[in-house]
Amino acid sequence: MLRRNIVLMIVSLLVGPPLATIVFFVLKSLVRLGPMAFAALDVNFLVASFPFAYLLGWSSMLAAAIGNMLVARVVNSEGLRLVLSMPIGALAFGLFLSWLAQDDKTGKLDAASMMEIGIAGAAASLVSLALVEAFSPAKRGGN
């Protein structure tokens, strides 16, 4: 369990922030532009935003990874752990990054941006946990 937790922490901190950035920008483009969003996405901009994603997303992914570790101690079913990782990631990103969803003029939270942040956190948490669960040593017969 300790080895799995360490691997989960490393994978979450390496994979989570860039994945959450990609999901967030795709959702933001879809909300603003509709189906034409995929034509408007700039891959170079996404890759250039990865360092900033690590700067903003490490604390959220750290909280999501810790939440997933705590859930793993209680829940034995792999499928249920994967399902529970999504609200954990959404909550962690929503708590830590809600300031990004504030409207500049009014100071109120933008519901669409808050939803996009939550979905990005849920996707990042799910993929990080799924990678660890898929390649865990217990599945290969190791420790």
N, C-alpha and C. Protein backbone atom coordinates (compact mmCIF):
# COMPACT_ATOMS: atom_id res chain seq x y z
N MET A 1 0.83 -1.19 0.00
CA MET A 1 0.00 0.00 0.00
C MET A 1 0.87 1.26 0.00
N LEU A 2 1.98 1.22 0.72
CA LEU A 2 2.86 2.39 0.77
C LEU A 2 3.47 2.66 -0.60
N ARG A 3 3.89 1.60 -1.28
CA ARG A 3 4.48 1.78 -2.61
C ARG A 3 3.44 2.34 -3.57
N ARG A 4 2.22 1.83 -3.51
CA ARG A 4 1.14 2.32 -4.36
C ARG A 4 0.87 3.80 -4.09
N ASN A 5 0.89 4.20 -2.83
CA ASN A 5 0.64 5.60 -2.48
C ASN A 5 1.73 6.51 -3.02
N ILE A 6 2.97 6.06 -2.95
CA ILE A 6 4.07 6.87 -3.47
C ILE A 6 3.96 7.00 -4.98
N VAL A 7 3.65 5.89 -5.65
CA VAL A 7 3.47 5.93 -7.10
C VAL A 7 2.29 6.81 -7.47
N LEU A 8 1.20 6.73 -6.72
CA LEU A 8 0.03 7.57 -6.98
C LEU A 8 0.39 9.05 -6.83
N MET A 9 1.16 9.38 -5.83
CA MET A 9 1.57 10.77 -5.62
C MET A 9 2.41 11.27 -6.80
N ILE A 10 3.37 10.47 -7.22
CA ILE A 10 4.25 10.87 -8.32
C ILE A 10 3.47 11.01 -9.62
N VAL A 11 2.65 10.01 -9.93
CA VAL A 11 1.87 10.06 -11.17
C VAL A 11 0.89 11.23 -11.15
N SER A 12 0.25 11.46 -10.02
CA SER A 12 -0.71 12.56 -9.93
C SER A 12 -0.03 13.91 -10.14
N LEU A 13 1.14 14.08 -9.57
CA LEU A 13 1.82 15.37 -9.69
C LEU A 13 2.45 15.57 -11.06
N LEU A 14 2.77 14.47 -11.76
CA LEU A 14 3.37 14.60 -13.09
C LEU A 14 2.32 14.67 -14.20
N VAL A 15 1.28 13.86 -14.10
CA VAL A 15 0.29 13.75 -15.17
C VAL A 15 -0.88 14.70 -14.96
N GLY A 16 -1.27 14.92 -13.72
CA GLY A 16 -2.49 15.66 -13.43
C GLY A 16 -2.55 17.10 -13.91
N PRO A 17 -1.59 17.95 -13.57
CA PRO A 17 -1.71 19.36 -13.98
C PRO A 17 -1.77 19.59 -15.49
N PRO A 18 -0.92 18.94 -16.31
CA PRO A 18 -1.07 19.18 -17.75
C PRO A 18 -2.38 18.63 -18.31
N LEU A 19 -2.82 17.49 -17.80
CA LEU A 19 -4.08 16.92 -18.27
C LEU A 19 -5.25 17.82 -17.90
N ALA A 20 -5.24 18.34 -16.69
CA ALA A 20 -6.31 19.25 -16.27
C ALA A 20 -6.30 20.51 -17.13
N THR A 21 -5.13 20.99 -17.52
CA THR A 21 -5.03 22.17 -18.37
C THR A 21 -5.64 21.91 -19.74
N ILE A 22 -5.31 20.76 -20.32
CA ILE A 22 -5.87 20.42 -21.63
C ILE A 22 -7.38 20.32 -21.55
N VAL A 23 -7.90 19.61 -20.56
CA VAL A 23 -9.35 19.45 -20.41
C VAL A 23 -10.01 20.81 -20.20
N PHE A 24 -9.41 21.66 -19.37
CA PHE A 24 -10.00 22.97 -19.10
C PHE A 24 -10.06 23.82 -20.36
N PHE A 25 -8.96 23.88 -21.11
CA PHE A 25 -8.95 24.73 -22.30
C PHE A 25 -9.89 24.18 -23.39
N VAL A 26 -9.99 22.88 -23.52
CA VAL A 26 -10.92 22.31 -24.49
C VAL A 26 -12.36 22.64 -24.10
N LEU A 27 -12.70 22.47 -22.82
CA LEU A 27 -14.05 22.80 -22.37
C LEU A 27 -14.34 24.29 -22.52
N LYS A 28 -13.39 25.13 -22.17
CA LYS A 28 -13.57 26.57 -22.29
C LYS A 28 -13.81 26.96 -23.75
N SER A 29 -13.06 26.34 -24.66
CA SER A 29 -13.26 26.62 -26.08
C SER A 29 -14.61 26.12 -26.57
N LEU A 30 -15.01 24.94 -26.11
CA LEU A 30 -16.32 24.41 -26.53
C LEU A 30 -17.46 25.29 -26.05
N VAL A 31 -17.35 25.81 -24.83
CA VAL A 31 -18.42 26.66 -24.30
C VAL A 31 -18.49 27.98 -25.09
N ARG A 32 -17.34 28.52 -25.44
CA ARG A 32 -17.33 29.81 -26.12
C ARG A 32 -17.63 29.70 -27.61
N LEU A 33 -17.06 28.66 -28.26
CA LEU A 33 -17.13 28.61 -29.72
C LEU A 33 -17.99 27.48 -30.27
N GLY A 34 -18.40 26.55 -29.43
CA GLY A 34 -19.18 25.42 -29.92
C GLY A 34 -18.31 24.43 -30.67
N PRO A 35 -18.86 23.78 -31.69
CA PRO A 35 -18.11 22.74 -32.41
C PRO A 35 -16.86 23.27 -33.13
N MET A 36 -16.82 24.54 -33.43
CA MET A 36 -15.65 25.11 -34.11
C MET A 36 -14.45 25.26 -33.17
N ALA A 37 -14.61 24.87 -31.92
CA ALA A 37 -13.54 25.04 -30.93
C ALA A 37 -12.31 24.23 -31.29
N PHE A 38 -12.52 23.06 -31.86
CA PHE A 38 -11.36 22.21 -32.17
C PHE A 38 -10.50 22.82 -33.26
N ALA A 39 -11.09 23.60 -34.14
CA ALA A 39 -10.32 24.29 -35.16
C ALA A 39 -9.56 25.48 -34.56
N ALA A 40 -10.08 26.04 -33.49
CA ALA A 40 -9.48 27.23 -32.89
C ALA A 40 -8.43 26.90 -31.83
N LEU A 41 -8.34 25.63 -31.39
CA LEU A 41 -7.37 25.28 -30.36
C LEU A 41 -5.95 25.39 -30.89
N ASP A 42 -5.10 25.98 -30.12
CA ASP A 42 -3.70 26.15 -30.49
C ASP A 42 -2.86 25.19 -29.65
N VAL A 43 -2.31 24.17 -30.28
CA VAL A 43 -1.54 23.16 -29.57
C VAL A 43 -0.28 23.76 -28.97
N ASN A 44 0.35 24.69 -29.67
CA ASN A 44 1.56 25.32 -29.14
C ASN A 44 1.25 26.10 -27.85
N PHE A 45 0.08 26.73 -27.80
CA PHE A 45 -0.32 27.43 -26.58
C PHE A 45 -0.53 26.45 -25.43
N LEU A 46 -1.15 25.30 -25.73
CA LEU A 46 -1.36 24.30 -24.68
C LEU A 46 -0.03 23.81 -24.12
N VAL A 47 0.91 23.51 -24.99
CA VAL A 47 2.21 23.01 -24.54
C VAL A 47 2.96 24.11 -23.78
N ALA A 48 2.84 25.34 -24.23
CA ALA A 48 3.52 26.45 -23.55
C ALA A 48 2.91 26.74 -22.18
N SER A 49 1.66 26.34 -21.97
CA SER A 49 1.01 26.61 -20.69
C SER A 49 1.29 25.54 -19.64
N PHE A 50 2.00 24.47 -19.99
CA PHE A 50 2.26 23.40 -19.02
C PHE A 50 3.04 23.86 -17.80
N PRO A 51 4.09 24.69 -17.93
CA PRO A 51 4.76 25.14 -16.69
C PRO A 51 3.83 25.92 -15.77
N PHE A 52 2.98 26.75 -16.35
CA PHE A 52 2.00 27.48 -15.54
C PHE A 52 0.98 26.53 -14.93
N ALA A 53 0.67 25.45 -15.66
CA ALA A 53 -0.26 24.44 -15.13
C ALA A 53 0.32 23.77 -13.90
N TYR A 54 1.62 23.46 -13.94
CA TYR A 54 2.25 22.86 -12.77
C TYR A 54 2.26 23.84 -11.60
N LEU A 55 2.47 25.10 -11.88
CA LEU A 55 2.47 26.11 -10.83
C LEU A 55 1.11 26.20 -10.14
N LEU A 56 0.03 26.18 -10.92
CA LEU A 56 -1.30 26.30 -10.35
C LEU A 56 -1.86 24.97 -9.85
N GLY A 57 -1.53 23.89 -10.54
CA GLY A 57 -2.22 22.64 -10.29
C GLY A 57 -1.58 21.69 -9.30
N TRP A 58 -0.38 21.95 -8.85
CA TRP A 58 0.28 20.97 -7.98
C TRP A 58 -0.44 20.83 -6.65
N SER A 59 -0.91 21.93 -6.08
CA SER A 59 -1.58 21.83 -4.78
C SER A 59 -2.93 21.11 -4.90
N SER A 60 -3.64 21.36 -5.99
CA SER A 60 -4.92 20.68 -6.19
C SER A 60 -4.72 19.19 -6.42
N MET A 61 -3.73 18.83 -7.21
CA MET A 61 -3.47 17.41 -7.47
C MET A 61 -2.91 16.73 -6.23
N LEU A 62 -2.16 17.45 -5.43
CA LEU A 62 -1.68 16.88 -4.17
C LEU A 62 -2.86 16.55 -3.26
N ALA A 63 -3.81 17.47 -3.16
CA ALA A 63 -5.00 17.22 -2.33
C ALA A 63 -5.83 16.07 -2.90
N ALA A 64 -5.96 16.00 -4.21
CA ALA A 64 -6.72 14.91 -4.83
C ALA A 64 -6.02 13.57 -4.61
N ALA A 65 -4.70 13.54 -4.72
CA ALA A 65 -3.96 12.30 -4.50
C ALA A 65 -4.08 11.83 -3.05
N ILE A 66 -4.01 12.76 -2.11
CA ILE A 66 -4.18 12.40 -0.70
C ILE A 66 -5.59 11.88 -0.45
N GLY A 67 -6.58 12.53 -1.06
CA GLY A 67 -7.95 12.04 -0.94
C GLY A 67 -8.11 10.64 -1.51
N ASN A 68 -7.49 10.39 -2.65
CA ASN A 68 -7.56 9.05 -3.25
C ASN A 68 -6.84 8.01 -2.40
N MET A 69 -5.76 8.41 -1.75
CA MET A 69 -5.05 7.49 -0.84
C MET A 69 -5.93 7.13 0.36
N LEU A 70 -6.61 8.13 0.91
CA LEU A 70 -7.46 7.87 2.07
C LEU A 70 -8.66 7.00 1.70
N VAL A 71 -9.22 7.21 0.52
CA VAL A 71 -10.34 6.40 0.07
C VAL A 71 -9.90 4.95 -0.15
N ALA A 72 -8.68 4.77 -0.64
CA ALA A 72 -8.17 3.41 -0.90
C ALA A 72 -8.05 2.59 0.37
N ARG A 73 -7.87 3.25 1.49
CA ARG A 73 -7.79 2.53 2.77
C ARG A 73 -9.15 1.99 3.20
N VAL A 74 -10.22 2.63 2.76
CA VAL A 74 -11.56 2.27 3.19
C VAL A 74 -12.27 1.39 2.16
N VAL A 75 -12.08 1.69 0.89
CA VAL A 75 -12.80 1.02 -0.19
C VAL A 75 -11.90 -0.02 -0.84
N ASN A 76 -12.35 -1.25 -0.93
CA ASN A 76 -11.55 -2.32 -1.52
C ASN A 76 -11.79 -2.49 -3.01
N SER A 77 -12.94 -2.10 -3.51
CA SER A 77 -13.29 -2.29 -4.91
C SER A 77 -12.57 -1.26 -5.79
N GLU A 78 -11.87 -1.77 -6.80
CA GLU A 78 -11.14 -0.88 -7.69
C GLU A 78 -12.09 0.03 -8.48
N GLY A 79 -13.20 -0.51 -8.92
CA GLY A 79 -14.17 0.28 -9.67
C GLY A 79 -14.75 1.41 -8.85
N LEU A 80 -15.06 1.14 -7.60
CA LEU A 80 -15.62 2.18 -6.74
C LEU A 80 -14.57 3.25 -6.43
N ARG A 81 -13.31 2.84 -6.28
CA ARG A 81 -12.24 3.83 -6.07
C ARG A 81 -12.12 4.75 -7.28
N LEU A 82 -12.25 4.18 -8.49
CA LEU A 82 -12.16 5.00 -9.69
C LEU A 82 -13.34 5.97 -9.77
N VAL A 83 -14.52 5.51 -9.42
CA VAL A 83 -15.69 6.39 -9.45
C VAL A 83 -15.56 7.49 -8.40
N LEU A 84 -15.07 7.15 -7.22
CA LEU A 84 -14.93 8.14 -6.15
C LEU A 84 -13.79 9.13 -6.42
N SER A 85 -12.86 8.79 -7.31
CA SER A 85 -11.76 9.71 -7.60
C SER A 85 -12.26 10.96 -8.32
N MET A 86 -13.36 10.84 -9.05
CA MET A 86 -13.85 12.01 -9.79
C MET A 86 -14.39 13.11 -8.88
N PRO A 87 -15.27 12.82 -7.91
CA PRO A 87 -15.68 13.91 -7.02
C PRO A 87 -14.55 14.43 -6.14
N ILE A 88 -13.60 13.56 -5.81
CA ILE A 88 -12.45 14.01 -5.02
C ILE A 88 -11.64 15.03 -5.82
N GLY A 89 -11.36 14.73 -7.09
CA GLY A 89 -10.61 15.66 -7.93
C GLY A 89 -11.38 16.94 -8.19
N ALA A 90 -12.68 16.83 -8.43
CA ALA A 90 -13.49 18.02 -8.68
C ALA A 90 -13.53 18.92 -7.45
N LEU A 91 -13.66 18.31 -6.28
CA LEU A 91 -13.69 19.10 -5.04
C LEU A 91 -12.35 19.77 -4.78
N ALA A 92 -11.26 19.04 -4.98
CA ALA A 92 -9.94 19.62 -4.74
C ALA A 92 -9.67 20.79 -5.68
N PHE A 93 -9.97 20.60 -6.95
CA PHE A 93 -9.74 21.70 -7.90
C PHE A 93 -10.70 22.85 -7.63
N GLY A 94 -11.94 22.54 -7.28
CA GLY A 94 -12.91 23.59 -6.99
C GLY A 94 -12.51 24.43 -5.78
N LEU A 95 -11.97 23.78 -4.76
CA LEU A 95 -11.56 24.51 -3.56
C LEU A 95 -10.32 25.36 -3.81
N PHE A 96 -9.32 24.78 -4.48
CA PHE A 96 -8.05 25.49 -4.63
C PHE A 96 -8.06 26.50 -5.77
N LEU A 97 -8.86 26.26 -6.81
CA LEU A 97 -8.79 27.12 -7.98
C LEU A 97 -10.08 27.89 -8.25
N SER A 98 -10.93 28.02 -7.26
CA SER A 98 -12.19 28.74 -7.48
C SER A 98 -11.95 30.22 -7.77
N TRP A 99 -10.83 30.76 -7.34
CA TRP A 99 -10.53 32.16 -7.60
C TRP A 99 -10.35 32.43 -9.10
N LEU A 100 -10.05 31.38 -9.89
CA LEU A 100 -9.92 31.56 -11.33
C LEU A 100 -11.28 31.76 -12.00
N ALA A 101 -12.34 31.33 -11.36
CA ALA A 101 -13.67 31.40 -11.94
C ALA A 101 -14.40 32.70 -11.60
N GLN A 102 -13.75 33.62 -10.93
CA GLN A 102 -14.41 34.88 -10.56
C GLN A 102 -14.44 35.83 -11.75
N ASP A 103 -15.56 36.48 -11.90
CA ASP A 103 -15.71 37.48 -12.94
C ASP A 103 -14.92 38.72 -12.54
N ASP A 104 -14.20 39.30 -13.49
CA ASP A 104 -13.36 40.46 -13.18
C ASP A 104 -14.18 41.69 -12.80
N LYS A 105 -15.31 41.86 -13.43
CA LYS A 105 -16.09 43.08 -13.20
C LYS A 105 -16.94 42.99 -11.95
N THR A 106 -17.62 41.88 -11.75
CA THR A 106 -18.56 41.79 -10.63
C THR A 106 -17.96 41.10 -9.40
N GLY A 107 -16.96 40.27 -9.60
CA GLY A 107 -16.37 39.55 -8.48
C GLY A 107 -17.13 38.30 -8.10
N LYS A 108 -18.19 37.96 -8.85
CA LYS A 108 -18.98 36.77 -8.57
C LYS A 108 -18.39 35.57 -9.32
N LEU A 109 -18.70 34.38 -8.81
CA LEU A 109 -18.23 33.17 -9.45
C LEU A 109 -19.00 32.93 -10.75
N ASP A 110 -18.27 32.59 -11.79
CA ASP A 110 -18.87 32.22 -13.06
C ASP A 110 -19.15 30.72 -13.01
N ALA A 111 -20.41 30.34 -13.12
CA ALA A 111 -20.81 28.94 -12.97
C ALA A 111 -20.20 28.06 -14.05
N ALA A 112 -20.12 28.55 -15.28
CA ALA A 112 -19.55 27.74 -16.36
C ALA A 112 -18.06 27.49 -16.12
N SER A 113 -17.33 28.51 -15.69
CA SER A 113 -15.90 28.32 -15.42
C SER A 113 -15.69 27.40 -14.23
N MET A 114 -16.53 27.51 -13.23
CA MET A 114 -16.42 26.63 -12.07
C MET A 114 -16.68 25.18 -12.46
N MET A 115 -17.64 24.97 -13.35
CA MET A 115 -17.93 23.63 -13.84
C MET A 115 -16.74 23.09 -14.64
N GLU A 116 -16.14 23.91 -15.46
CA GLU A 116 -14.98 23.49 -16.25
C GLU A 116 -13.81 23.13 -15.36
N ILE A 117 -13.58 23.90 -14.31
CA ILE A 117 -12.51 23.59 -13.37
C ILE A 117 -12.78 22.26 -12.67
N GLY A 118 -14.02 22.04 -12.26
CA GLY A 118 -14.38 20.79 -11.61
C GLY A 118 -14.22 19.58 -12.52
N ILE A 119 -14.65 19.71 -13.77
CA ILE A 119 -14.52 18.60 -14.71
C ILE A 119 -13.06 18.32 -15.00
N ALA A 120 -12.25 19.37 -15.12
CA ALA A 120 -10.82 19.18 -15.35
C ALA A 120 -10.18 18.45 -14.18
N GLY A 121 -10.54 18.82 -12.96
CA GLY A 121 -10.01 18.14 -11.78
C GLY A 121 -10.46 16.69 -11.70
N ALA A 122 -11.72 16.45 -12.04
CA ALA A 122 -12.24 15.07 -12.01
C ALA A 122 -11.53 14.21 -13.04
N ALA A 123 -11.30 14.74 -14.23
CA ALA A 123 -10.62 13.96 -15.27
C ALA A 123 -9.17 13.69 -14.89
N ALA A 124 -8.49 14.68 -14.35
CA ALA A 124 -7.09 14.50 -13.97
C ALA A 124 -6.95 13.48 -12.84
N SER A 125 -7.84 13.54 -11.87
CA SER A 125 -7.81 12.59 -10.76
C SER A 125 -8.13 11.18 -11.24
N LEU A 126 -9.12 11.05 -12.10
CA LEU A 126 -9.50 9.73 -12.62
C LEU A 126 -8.39 9.11 -13.43
N VAL A 127 -7.79 9.86 -14.33
CA VAL A 127 -6.72 9.31 -15.18
C VAL A 127 -5.50 8.95 -14.34
N SER A 128 -5.14 9.78 -13.38
CA SER A 128 -3.98 9.48 -12.54
C SER A 128 -4.20 8.20 -11.75
N LEU A 129 -5.37 8.07 -11.15
CA LEU A 129 -5.66 6.86 -10.38
C LEU A 129 -5.78 5.64 -11.28
N ALA A 130 -6.38 5.81 -12.46
CA ALA A 130 -6.52 4.68 -13.39
C ALA A 130 -5.15 4.18 -13.86
N LEU A 131 -4.23 5.09 -14.09
CA LEU A 131 -2.87 4.67 -14.48
C LEU A 131 -2.21 3.86 -13.37
N VAL A 132 -2.36 4.30 -12.15
CA VAL A 132 -1.76 3.57 -11.02
C VAL A 132 -2.45 2.22 -10.82
N GLU A 133 -3.77 2.20 -10.91
CA GLU A 133 -4.50 0.94 -10.73
C GLU A 133 -4.19 -0.05 -11.85
N ALA A 134 -4.03 0.44 -13.07
CA ALA A 134 -3.79 -0.45 -14.20
C ALA A 134 -2.42 -1.10 -14.14
N PHE A 135 -1.45 -0.37 -13.66
CA PHE A 135 -0.08 -0.87 -13.64
C PHE A 135 0.44 -1.13 -12.24
N SER A 136 -0.46 -1.39 -11.30
CA SER A 136 -0.02 -1.61 -9.91
C SER A 136 0.71 -2.94 -9.79
N PRO A 137 1.66 -3.03 -8.87
CA PRO A 137 2.42 -4.27 -8.68
C PRO A 137 1.54 -5.44 -8.24
N ALA A 138 0.44 -5.17 -7.55
CA ALA A 138 -0.44 -6.25 -7.11
C ALA A 138 -1.07 -6.98 -8.28
N LYS A 139 -1.32 -6.26 -9.38
CA LYS A 139 -1.89 -6.90 -10.57
C LYS A 139 -0.88 -7.79 -11.27
N ARG A 140 0.40 -7.48 -11.11
CA ARG A 140 1.44 -8.27 -11.74
C ARG A 140 1.96 -9.37 -10.82
N GLY A 141 1.41 -9.46 -9.64
CA GLY A 141 1.84 -10.48 -8.69
C GLY A 141 2.98 -10.05 -7.80
N GLY A 142 3.29 -8.75 -7.80
CA GLY A 142 4.37 -8.25 -6.95
C GLY A 142 3.86 -7.77 -5.62
N ASN A 143 4.67 -6.97 -4.91
CA ASN A 143 4.28 -6.48 -3.58
C ASN A 143 3.32 -5.35 -3.68
